[in-house]
Amino acid sequence: MIPMGKTRMRLAIAIVAVGLLTLILPIIQMRFSMFGKVEWSSFDIVSRLVSGGDQQKDKPSFIDIAKAAKRVKTEVDRTSPSTPTSPQQTRRLPLGIMLAPFIPLEIAITYALLLVAILVLSVRRMHRALGFVSAAGAVISTVALVSVFLFSNAIQQSLAKEVTKPEMRDNVFAQLSQAFMESIHVDPGVALYLLVAVMAGLFAVWKCDWLDSNA
């Protein structure tokens, strides 16, 4: 593939600029019925991931909440008087809860690929690599988006099957866990949608070489 022309370069630079702006926009939001709404920007999540949790002590970490949901589900399974048919059933967790701790990593990788895209655009002979970089970013950011939806669904439904069983009626821990989980609603922020669109847009610009011929 020949290097990108002026038209595609301008479009790609504009798209990358939008991608960088998403750093300060909410990428994930969590609504608590009792505590209000907490929003995390990409900068919040990535800096928390890099610093190991030393920053932003004024609000909970999305990573910590995801891990807490996993621990709560495991504890309810452990304290349940019902006997599973196999050891694997005791350890089984909803897919959304299993994937949630990886969402910050997926976001970090997507932004790393966005930086690589800037490098690729700056070196003319590397333009052909933009297709792979943007495609990988689109896939990973889409996985993050889907994981947020799965996590939101999981925390609403994972404990419902357990706490509604007759034998769990007197389990105080299960009742408290259900009340906490039902108060949480997780939604993707505008930045996550934009990030998927940015990576898909970069791939489209790289693929549509006819844009230069019409310039």
Foldseek 3Di string as FASTA:
>chain_A
DAFADPVLLVLLVVLLVLLVVQQPFFFKKKQFQVPGIDTDGLVRLQVCVVVVNPDDPVDDHQLVVLVVLLVLLLVLLVPQPDDDPDPVVSNDAQPLSVCRNCLSVLSVLLVVLSVVLVVQSVDRVSLVCLLVSLVVSLVSLVVSQVSQVSNQVRLQPVLVVRCPDPSNVPVPSSVVSNSRSNRMGMHTTPSSVSSNVSSVSSNVSSPPSVVVVVD
